[in-house]
Amino acid sequence: MTDPLRLPDPVVELTEIHELADDLVVIGDRRVELVPNVGIIGGREAVLVIDTGMGPANAETVLGFATEFANGRKLYLTTTHFHPEHAFGADTFRGAATYLVNRAQADDLKQKGDGYLAWFREFGGAVAARLAGVVLPEPDMVYNDSYELDLGGRIVRMRGTGRAHSKGDQVVEVPGASVLFTGDLVEAAHFAIFPWFPPHDTDVSGLRWIEVMDRLAAFPPRIVVPGHGDIGGPQLLSDVADYLRLLRDETWIRRDSAMSEETIAEEITALMIQRHPDWAGREWIRNGVGCTCAEHELHRTPQRS
């Protein structure tokens, strides 16, 4: 991640509202780090909000916009995964919306939420200020694998993907509009974010992430809303899958030759920047190499019967 002391204020602003279909908008992230793309999806009877921004003040902005957008309709909230800029405003919606998530994400919130809150507060500055007063949320509803939410004339499908960027990733699909919200499984023009921080958090899996991207690409949507970055089409799914495969292949080739992880990271970083000179998040390449090296060891180790 960028030097925390140099991070901009991760504030959600209502200056870029993208209308993707009738009664379906996205509050854009404006390419500001630690600000997510926030979805608002309406039906005749209810409105679903996807992600909250970091902390109570951002969540109040989102809730205010959603309440006006709903105009008396029932409110639901879901989050794509448990990381602070996506879910650490959910408690602000308590009493105003029904909060529902997949079980793996609920487990992540319970098991790792306190640790991530303490860690992000250590960033200081605007990030710590945004996290002041955070109360970790408890979902009102938890589903196991998938859930169809009827908003009244519009069905929204939520699916836990299994371990990839996190253990609890969830995608949200609006079939009638062919729109897919991916959370941080996909970033636009950005190297994949690998939260690989051993020994504290090693749940990210590049190998399983590739499998998830392949499943999503098998039924490509018309519009993909990434966790961060510009809204695009199904090419965003291909971009991520291609990057993850290249990361795996080039790392494993070097690991097979007994090259050190440090040298691998230097070579892979140079290679990826050459391939994608305009992509942001270069600091995440090294984390991706660390994860991929660890998975290489597991893949190459014979399994006992």
Protein backbone atom coordinates (compact mmCIF):
# COMPACT_ATOMS: atom_id res chain seq x y z
CA MET A 1 0.00 0.00 0.00
CA THR A 2 1.07 3.59 -0.56
CA ASP A 3 2.89 5.21 2.38
CA PRO A 4 0.06 5.76 4.89
CA LEU A 5 1.36 9.22 5.75
CA ARG A 6 0.83 10.26 2.14
CA LEU A 7 -2.66 8.83 1.70
CA PRO A 8 -5.37 11.31 0.74
CA ASP A 9 -8.52 11.65 2.81
CA PRO A 10 -10.63 8.57 1.84
CA VAL A 11 -13.86 10.56 1.69
CA VAL A 12 -16.93 9.48 -0.25
CA GLU A 13 -18.23 12.39 -2.28
CA LEU A 14 -21.42 12.64 -4.32
CA THR A 15 -19.72 14.35 -7.26
CA GLU A 16 -19.58 11.37 -9.64
CA ILE A 17 -22.89 9.53 -9.84
CA HIS A 18 -22.99 7.01 -12.69
CA GLU A 19 -26.40 5.82 -13.89
CA LEU A 20 -25.94 2.30 -15.26
CA ALA A 21 -29.60 1.42 -15.79
CA ASP A 22 -33.02 2.52 -14.64
CA ASP A 23 -32.99 2.82 -10.84
CA LEU A 24 -29.35 1.66 -10.65
CA VAL A 25 -26.47 4.03 -9.91
CA VAL A 26 -22.90 3.96 -8.65
CA ILE A 27 -21.28 6.58 -6.44
CA GLY A 28 -17.86 6.63 -8.10
CA ASP A 29 -14.60 6.39 -6.18
CA ARG A 30 -13.02 9.30 -8.14
CA ARG A 31 -9.81 7.18 -8.23
CA VAL A 32 -9.12 8.05 -4.59
CA GLU A 33 -7.30 5.33 -2.67
CA LEU A 34 -9.37 3.57 0.03
CA VAL A 35 -12.63 4.86 -1.45
CA PRO A 36 -14.82 2.12 -3.00
CA ASN A 37 -17.34 2.27 -5.78
CA VAL A 38 -20.71 2.24 -3.97
CA GLY A 39 -23.74 0.68 -5.64
CA ILE A 40 -27.39 1.66 -5.22
CA ILE A 41 -29.95 -0.70 -6.79
CA GLY A 42 -33.70 -0.07 -6.70
CA GLY A 43 -36.87 -2.08 -7.24
CA ARG A 44 -40.52 -1.20 -6.71
CA GLU A 45 -40.42 -2.02 -3.01
CA ALA A 46 -36.83 -1.82 -1.82
CA VAL A 47 -33.32 -0.50 -2.47
CA LEU A 48 -30.00 -2.30 -1.94
CA VAL A 49 -26.79 -0.45 -1.04
CA ILE A 50 -23.45 -2.13 -1.83
CA ASP A 51 -20.53 -1.02 0.41
CA THR A 52 -20.37 1.93 2.78
CA GLY A 53 -17.06 3.72 2.53
CA MET A 54 -14.64 3.88 5.45
CA GLY A 55 -16.13 4.86 8.80
CA PRO A 56 -19.30 6.49 10.14
CA ALA A 57 -19.06 9.86 8.35
CA ASN A 58 -18.73 8.26 4.92
CA ALA A 59 -21.51 5.83 5.75
CA GLU A 60 -23.75 8.73 6.74
CA THR A 61 -23.14 10.29 3.33
CA VAL A 62 -24.05 7.03 1.60
CA LEU A 63 -27.06 6.46 3.85
CA GLY A 64 -28.33 9.97 3.23
CA PHE A 65 -28.06 9.53 -0.52
CA ALA A 66 -29.66 6.08 -0.40
CA THR A 67 -32.54 7.28 1.78
CA GLU A 68 -33.33 10.06 -0.68
CA PHE A 69 -32.93 7.66 -3.59
CA ALA A 70 -35.27 5.13 -1.94
CA ASN A 71 -37.98 7.74 -1.35
CA GLY A 72 -39.79 5.61 1.21
CA ARG A 73 -38.78 2.18 -0.05
CA LYS A 74 -37.25 -0.37 2.33
CA LEU A 75 -33.44 -0.28 2.56
CA TYR A 76 -31.02 -3.21 2.46
CA LEU A 77 -27.24 -3.11 2.79
CA THR A 78 -24.60 -5.60 1.74
CA THR A 79 -20.80 -5.41 1.54
CA THR A 80 -18.50 -7.14 -0.94
CA HIS A 81 -16.00 -8.18 1.76
CA PHE A 82 -14.96 -7.18 5.28
CA HIS A 83 -12.10 -4.74 4.57
CA PRO A 84 -12.39 -1.31 6.21
CA GLU A 85 -13.31 0.87 3.21
CA HIS A 86 -16.04 -1.55 2.19
CA ALA A 87 -17.67 -2.61 5.46
CA PHE A 88 -16.49 -0.44 8.35
CA GLY A 89 -19.43 1.92 8.06
CA ALA A 90 -22.15 -0.71 8.13
CA ASP A 91 -23.12 -0.13 11.76
CA THR A 92 -24.26 3.39 10.78
CA PHE A 93 -27.08 1.71 8.81
CA ARG A 94 -28.37 -0.13 11.87
CA GLY A 95 -32.06 0.57 12.32
CA ALA A 96 -32.31 2.11 8.85
CA ALA A 97 -31.46 -0.91 6.70
CA THR A 98 -31.28 -4.69 6.88
CA TYR A 99 -27.64 -5.76 6.60
CA LEU A 100 -27.07 -9.11 4.90
CA VAL A 101 -23.85 -10.87 3.86
CA ASN A 102 -22.45 -14.30 3.04
CA ARG A 103 -21.38 -16.50 5.93
CA ALA A 104 -17.66 -16.46 5.12
CA GLN A 105 -17.67 -12.66 5.19
CA ALA A 106 -19.56 -12.63 8.48
CA ASP A 107 -16.87 -14.94 9.89
CA ASP A 108 -14.14 -12.61 8.59
CA LEU A 109 -15.79 -9.63 10.26
CA LYS A 110 -16.01 -11.48 13.55
CA GLN A 111 -12.54 -13.02 13.50
CA LYS A 112 -10.43 -10.31 11.87
CA GLY A 113 -12.39 -7.08 12.11
CA ASP A 114 -10.78 -5.88 15.34
CA GLY A 115 -7.29 -6.57 14.01
CA TYR A 116 -7.88 -4.66 10.79
CA LEU A 117 -9.44 -1.76 12.65
CA ALA A 118 -6.40 -1.47 14.93
CA TRP A 119 -4.01 -1.82 12.00
CA PHE A 120 -5.67 0.84 9.83
CA ARG A 121 -5.87 3.24 12.77
CA GLU A 122 -2.09 3.02 12.97
CA PHE A 123 -1.95 4.74 9.58
CA GLY A 124 -2.80 7.95 11.39
CA GLY A 125 -3.89 11.10 9.59
CA ALA A 126 -7.07 11.10 7.54
CA VAL A 127 -7.44 7.31 7.65
CA ALA A 128 -7.43 7.19 11.45
CA ALA A 129 -9.83 10.14 11.52
CA ARG A 130 -12.26 8.30 9.25
CA LEU A 131 -12.15 5.29 11.56
CA ALA A 132 -12.95 7.29 14.70
CA GLY A 133 -16.08 5.95 16.34
CA VAL A 134 -16.25 2.79 14.23
CA VAL A 135 -18.38 0.02 15.68
CA LEU A 136 -17.84 -3.26 13.88
CA PRO A 137 -21.11 -4.41 12.33
CA GLU A 138 -23.12 -7.52 13.02
CA PRO A 139 -25.21 -8.68 10.05
CA ASP A 140 -28.96 -8.99 10.41
CA MET A 141 -29.08 -11.81 7.86
CA VAL A 142 -26.41 -14.32 6.84
CA TYR A 143 -26.66 -16.68 3.88
CA ASN A 144 -24.49 -19.70 3.10
CA ASP A 145 -23.63 -19.85 -0.62
CA SER A 146 -26.06 -17.66 -2.55
CA TYR A 147 -29.10 -15.51 -1.99
CA GLU A 148 -31.68 -13.90 -4.26
CA LEU A 149 -33.04 -10.61 -2.95
CA ASP A 150 -36.34 -9.50 -4.47
CA LEU A 151 -36.49 -5.71 -4.48
CA GLY A 152 -39.89 -5.76 -6.17
CA GLY A 153 -39.75 -6.46 -9.89
CA ARG A 154 -35.94 -6.68 -9.75
CA ILE A 155 -33.97 -9.66 -8.47
CA VAL A 156 -30.43 -9.21 -7.16
CA ARG A 157 -28.24 -12.28 -6.81
CA MET A 158 -25.53 -12.42 -4.15
CA ARG A 159 -22.91 -15.14 -4.24
CA GLY A 160 -20.00 -15.97 -2.01
CA THR A 161 -17.13 -16.87 -4.31
CA GLY A 162 -14.91 -18.76 -1.92
CA ARG A 163 -11.40 -17.78 -0.96
CA ALA A 164 -9.66 -15.38 -3.36
CA HIS A 165 -8.87 -11.75 -2.44
CA SER A 166 -10.21 -12.69 1.00
CA LYS A 167 -11.95 -15.72 2.50
CA GLY A 168 -15.29 -13.95 2.38
CA ASP A 169 -15.51 -12.33 -1.06
CA GLN A 170 -19.00 -11.79 -2.42
CA VAL A 171 -20.19 -10.70 -5.86
CA VAL A 172 -23.53 -9.02 -6.49
CA GLU A 173 -25.28 -9.51 -9.81
CA VAL A 174 -28.22 -7.60 -11.31
CA PRO A 175 -29.30 -10.02 -14.04
CA GLY A 176 -31.95 -7.83 -15.65
CA ALA A 177 -29.39 -5.07 -16.25
CA SER A 178 -26.41 -7.45 -16.78
CA VAL A 179 -24.38 -5.62 -14.14
CA LEU A 180 -21.86 -7.29 -11.82
CA PHE A 181 -20.38 -5.75 -8.66
CA THR A 182 -17.10 -7.53 -7.88
CA GLY A 183 -15.59 -5.79 -4.87
CA ASP A 184 -11.81 -6.13 -4.80
CA LEU A 185 -11.77 -9.26 -6.92
CA VAL A 186 -11.45 -6.73 -9.73
CA GLU A 187 -9.76 -3.34 -9.88
CA ALA A 188 -9.62 -1.25 -13.05
CA ALA A 189 -6.14 -0.29 -14.30
CA HIS A 190 -4.70 -1.44 -10.99
CA PHE A 191 -2.51 -4.37 -9.98
CA ALA A 192 -4.46 -6.97 -8.01
CA ILE A 193 -4.53 -6.16 -4.30
CA PHE A 194 -2.96 -9.05 -2.37
CA PRO A 195 -3.53 -8.61 1.39
CA TRP A 196 -0.61 -10.97 2.05
CA PHE A 197 0.76 -10.07 5.47
CA PRO A 198 2.24 -13.17 7.09
CA PRO A 199 1.84 -14.28 9.77
CA HIS A 200 -1.13 -12.01 10.51
CA ASP A 201 -3.21 -12.53 7.36
CA THR A 202 -2.50 -15.09 4.65
CA ASP A 203 -6.04 -15.84 3.50
CA VAL A 204 -5.60 -14.42 -0.01
CA SER A 205 -5.07 -17.12 -2.66
CA GLY A 206 -3.88 -16.31 -6.15
CA LEU A 207 -4.67 -19.82 -7.40
CA ARG A 208 -8.24 -19.78 -6.19
CA TRP A 209 -8.60 -16.18 -7.38
CA ILE A 210 -7.89 -17.39 -10.93
CA GLU A 211 -10.59 -20.04 -10.57
CA VAL A 212 -13.09 -17.42 -9.39
CA MET A 213 -12.29 -15.13 -12.33
CA ASP A 214 -12.77 -18.01 -14.75
CA ARG A 215 -16.21 -18.74 -13.29
CA LEU A 216 -17.23 -15.11 -13.53
CA ALA A 217 -15.95 -14.82 -17.11
CA ALA A 218 -17.94 -17.89 -18.18
CA PHE A 219 -21.13 -15.79 -18.04
CA PRO A 220 -19.82 -12.30 -18.71
CA PRO A 221 -21.98 -9.34 -17.70
CA ARG A 222 -22.49 -6.25 -19.83
CA ILE A 223 -21.11 -3.97 -17.13
CA VAL A 224 -18.52 -4.71 -14.43
CA VAL A 225 -18.30 -2.44 -11.37
CA PRO A 226 -14.87 -3.00 -9.81
CA GLY A 227 -14.07 -2.43 -6.16
CA HIS A 228 -11.94 0.54 -7.18
CA GLY A 229 -11.43 2.29 -10.49
CA ASP A 230 -13.47 3.02 -13.57
CA ILE A 231 -16.57 1.02 -14.44
CA GLY A 232 -16.07 -1.13 -17.53
CA GLY A 233 -17.10 -4.23 -19.42
CA PRO A 234 -16.16 -7.91 -19.26
CA GLN A 235 -12.62 -7.07 -20.37
CA LEU A 236 -11.97 -6.09 -16.75
CA LEU A 237 -12.48 -9.73 -15.77
CA SER A 238 -10.03 -10.87 -18.46
CA ASP A 239 -7.47 -8.27 -17.42
CA VAL A 240 -7.40 -9.57 -13.85
CA ALA A 241 -7.32 -13.24 -14.87
CA ASP A 242 -4.51 -12.63 -17.37
CA TYR A 243 -2.46 -10.75 -14.79
CA LEU A 244 -2.93 -13.43 -12.13
CA ARG A 245 -1.92 -16.19 -14.55
CA LEU A 246 1.16 -14.30 -15.66
CA LEU A 247 2.07 -13.63 -12.03
CA ARG A 248 1.75 -17.33 -11.21
CA ASP A 249 3.60 -18.60 -14.26
CA GLU A 250 6.52 -16.17 -14.13
CA THR A 251 6.92 -16.58 -10.36
CA TRP A 252 6.83 -20.37 -10.49
CA ILE A 253 9.34 -20.55 -13.33
CA ARG A 254 11.78 -18.57 -11.22
CA ARG A 255 10.96 -20.49 -8.05
CA ASP A 256 11.64 -23.76 -9.85
CA SER A 257 15.17 -22.50 -10.54
CA ALA A 258 15.68 -21.87 -6.80
CA MET A 259 15.77 -18.10 -7.25
CA SER A 260 15.28 -16.16 -4.01
CA GLU A 261 11.91 -14.56 -3.32
CA GLU A 262 13.56 -11.13 -3.14
CA THR A 263 15.07 -11.51 -6.61
CA ILE A 264 11.81 -12.89 -7.97
CA ALA A 265 9.94 -9.89 -6.60
CA GLU A 266 12.38 -7.48 -8.26
CA GLU A 267 12.18 -9.21 -11.63
CA ILE A 268 8.41 -9.68 -11.58
CA THR A 269 7.84 -6.08 -10.54
CA ALA A 270 9.91 -4.86 -13.48
CA LEU A 271 8.11 -7.22 -15.86
CA MET A 272 4.62 -6.21 -14.73
CA ILE A 273 5.36 -2.50 -14.86
CA GLN A 274 6.68 -2.98 -18.40
CA ARG A 275 3.46 -4.80 -19.35
CA HIS A 276 1.14 -2.32 -17.60
CA PRO A 277 2.97 1.01 -17.25
CA ASP A 278 -0.25 2.93 -16.60
CA TRP A 279 -1.63 0.69 -13.85
CA ALA A 280 -1.71 1.92 -10.26
CA GLY A 281 -0.86 -0.08 -7.15
CA ARG A 282 2.65 -1.21 -8.07
CA GLU A 283 3.40 -1.85 -4.42
CA TRP A 284 0.98 -4.81 -4.48
CA ILE A 285 3.05 -6.77 -7.00
CA ARG A 286 5.55 -7.76 -4.30
CA ASN A 287 2.74 -9.03 -2.04
CA GLY A 288 1.42 -11.05 -4.95
CA VAL A 289 4.82 -12.64 -5.44
CA GLY A 290 5.00 -13.55 -1.76
CA CYS A 291 1.61 -15.25 -1.89
CA THR A 292 2.42 -17.01 -5.16
CA CYS A 293 5.74 -18.31 -3.81
CA ALA A 294 3.94 -19.73 -0.78
CA GLU A 295 1.37 -21.43 -3.00
CA HIS A 296 4.18 -22.82 -5.15
CA GLU A 297 5.58 -24.59 -2.10
CA LEU A 298 2.19 -26.07 -1.26
CA HIS A 299 1.62 -27.09 -4.87
CA ARG A 300 5.01 -28.78 -5.17
CA THR A 301 4.89 -30.56 -1.77
CA PRO A 302 3.64 -34.16 -2.14
CA GLN A 303 0.43 -34.71 -0.18
CA ARG A 304 0.33 -37.59 2.27
CA SER A 305 -2.37 -40.16 1.67
